[in-house]
Amino acid sequence: MKKIIEWVLSIVAALILLQTLFFKFTGAEESIYIFTQVGMEPVGRIGSGIVELIAGISLLIPRVRVYGAILALGVISGAIFFHLTVLGIEVKGDGGLLFYYALVVFFSSLIVLFFRRKEIPVIGSKL
């Protein structure tokens, strides 16, 4: 059952991460707006997109899933931070959808990382 839960959570997080890449890499208006508001356009938009691409793919490969979960947690923590400090929950009338997606990715990745805690580099053997 644990493996099924891990797969489902990994797929959900990866799908959310990967589906947003189109907007980041094509320079969609909302994406440019968000990264302009946080003072990181265009480097932050493209950079976070690259990290999300690597995290999304890694979450789908069991051998490197722990690294995908770590990357996803890192990049999505930044997104949550900016929603809570600069952007607000709702961005450009989205009803908070981007924020809620970020929370889904955060908690999905956190649970995957918990399941694979023994594989975490440096500290995993102590957990």
Protein backbone atom coordinates (compact mmCIF):
# COMPACT_ATOMS: atom_id res chain seq x y z
CA MET A 1 0.00 0.00 0.00
CA LYS A 2 2.88 2.35 0.83
CA LYS A 3 4.32 1.93 -2.69
CA ILE A 4 0.96 2.76 -4.26
CA ILE A 5 0.58 5.88 -2.13
CA GLU A 6 4.15 6.91 -2.99
CA TRP A 7 3.49 6.44 -6.71
CA VAL A 8 0.23 8.37 -6.62
CA LEU A 9 1.77 11.26 -4.68
CA SER A 10 4.82 11.31 -6.96
CA ILE A 11 2.67 11.37 -10.09
CA VAL A 12 0.41 14.12 -8.74
CA ALA A 13 3.37 16.32 -7.74
CA ALA A 14 5.17 15.66 -11.02
CA LEU A 15 2.09 16.46 -13.11
CA ILE A 16 1.56 19.76 -11.33
CA LEU A 17 5.23 20.70 -11.64
CA LEU A 18 5.45 19.70 -15.30
CA GLN A 19 2.18 21.27 -16.46
CA THR A 20 3.27 24.72 -15.25
CA LEU A 21 6.41 24.61 -17.39
CA PHE A 22 4.56 25.60 -20.54
CA PHE A 23 3.59 28.91 -18.92
CA LYS A 24 7.06 29.56 -17.52
CA PHE A 25 8.99 28.70 -20.67
CA THR A 26 6.65 30.45 -23.11
CA GLY A 27 6.53 33.63 -21.06
CA ALA A 28 2.81 33.57 -20.33
CA GLU A 29 1.46 36.86 -19.00
CA GLU A 30 0.57 35.48 -15.57
CA SER A 31 3.99 33.87 -15.16
CA ILE A 32 5.78 37.08 -16.11
CA TYR A 33 3.53 39.03 -13.73
CA ILE A 34 4.32 36.70 -10.81
CA PHE A 35 8.07 36.79 -11.28
CA THR A 36 8.05 40.55 -11.87
CA GLN A 37 6.21 41.02 -8.56
CA VAL A 38 8.86 39.05 -6.68
CA GLY A 39 11.72 40.78 -8.53
CA MET A 40 13.00 37.69 -10.29
CA GLU A 41 11.87 38.06 -13.91
CA PRO A 42 13.16 36.43 -16.17
CA VAL A 43 15.96 34.56 -14.38
CA GLY A 44 13.72 33.28 -11.57
CA ARG A 45 11.02 32.18 -13.98
CA ILE A 46 13.37 30.23 -16.23
CA GLY A 47 15.54 28.97 -13.35
CA SER A 48 12.64 27.70 -11.30
CA GLY A 49 11.22 26.12 -14.45
CA ILE A 50 14.43 24.19 -15.00
CA VAL A 51 14.47 23.00 -11.38
CA GLU A 52 10.78 22.02 -11.62
CA LEU A 53 11.50 20.07 -14.81
CA ILE A 54 14.30 18.13 -13.13
CA ALA A 55 12.20 17.57 -9.98
CA GLY A 56 9.14 16.46 -11.95
CA ILE A 57 11.06 13.93 -14.01
CA SER A 58 13.01 12.69 -10.97
CA LEU A 59 9.79 12.09 -9.03
CA LEU A 60 8.76 9.62 -11.72
CA ILE A 61 11.98 7.57 -11.53
CA PRO A 62 12.06 5.45 -8.36
CA ARG A 63 15.87 5.25 -8.27
CA VAL A 64 16.19 9.07 -7.96
CA ARG A 65 12.78 9.89 -6.49
CA VAL A 66 14.28 11.08 -3.20
CA TYR A 67 16.24 13.78 -5.08
CA GLY A 68 13.10 14.80 -6.96
CA ALA A 69 11.22 15.16 -3.70
CA ILE A 70 14.03 17.28 -2.20
CA LEU A 71 14.13 19.53 -5.28
CA ALA A 72 10.35 19.82 -5.40
CA LEU A 73 10.21 20.76 -1.72
CA GLY A 74 12.88 23.40 -2.22
CA VAL A 75 11.38 25.08 -5.27
CA ILE A 76 7.80 24.89 -4.04
CA SER A 77 8.78 26.27 -0.62
CA GLY A 78 9.95 29.37 -2.46
CA ALA A 79 6.61 29.59 -4.27
CA ILE A 80 4.67 29.26 -1.01
CA PHE A 81 6.91 31.85 0.66
CA PHE A 82 6.24 34.39 -2.08
CA HIS A 83 2.51 33.69 -2.03
CA LEU A 84 2.44 34.35 1.71
CA THR A 85 4.66 37.44 1.65
CA VAL A 86 4.42 39.26 -1.70
CA LEU A 87 1.80 37.79 -4.01
CA GLY A 88 -1.04 36.82 -1.74
CA ILE A 89 -3.04 33.61 -1.91
CA GLU A 90 -4.95 34.75 -4.99
CA VAL A 91 -2.97 35.92 -8.02
CA LYS A 92 -4.69 37.74 -10.85
CA GLY A 93 -8.12 36.36 -9.98
CA ASP A 94 -7.12 32.67 -9.95
CA GLY A 95 -9.08 32.02 -6.76
CA GLY A 96 -5.90 30.79 -5.06
CA LEU A 97 -5.47 27.88 -7.47
CA LEU A 98 -1.70 28.31 -7.89
CA PHE A 99 -1.25 28.52 -4.13
CA TYR A 100 -3.33 25.38 -3.57
CA TYR A 101 -1.37 23.52 -6.25
CA ALA A 102 1.82 24.57 -4.47
CA LEU A 103 0.48 23.12 -1.21
CA VAL A 104 -0.40 19.84 -2.94
CA VAL A 105 3.13 19.59 -4.38
CA PHE A 106 4.65 20.50 -1.00
CA PHE A 107 2.76 17.91 1.02
CA SER A 108 2.98 15.21 -1.66
CA SER A 109 6.75 15.67 -1.87
CA LEU A 110 7.08 15.82 1.90
CA ILE A 111 5.29 12.48 2.29
CA VAL A 112 7.36 10.89 -0.48
CA LEU A 113 10.50 12.17 1.23
CA PHE A 114 9.28 10.76 4.54
CA PHE A 115 8.73 7.35 2.93
CA ARG A 116 12.27 7.50 1.50
CA ARG A 117 13.95 9.22 4.45
CA LYS A 118 16.63 6.51 4.72
CA GLU A 119 17.79 7.49 1.20
CA ILE A 120 18.30 11.18 2.00
CA PRO A 121 21.97 12.00 1.33
CA VAL A 122 24.16 12.59 4.40
CA ILE A 123 21.39 12.37 7.04
CA GLY A 124 19.31 9.43 5.78
CA SER A 125 21.26 6.78 7.62
CA LYS A 126 20.58 8.57 10.91
CA LEU A 127 16.80 8.72 10.42
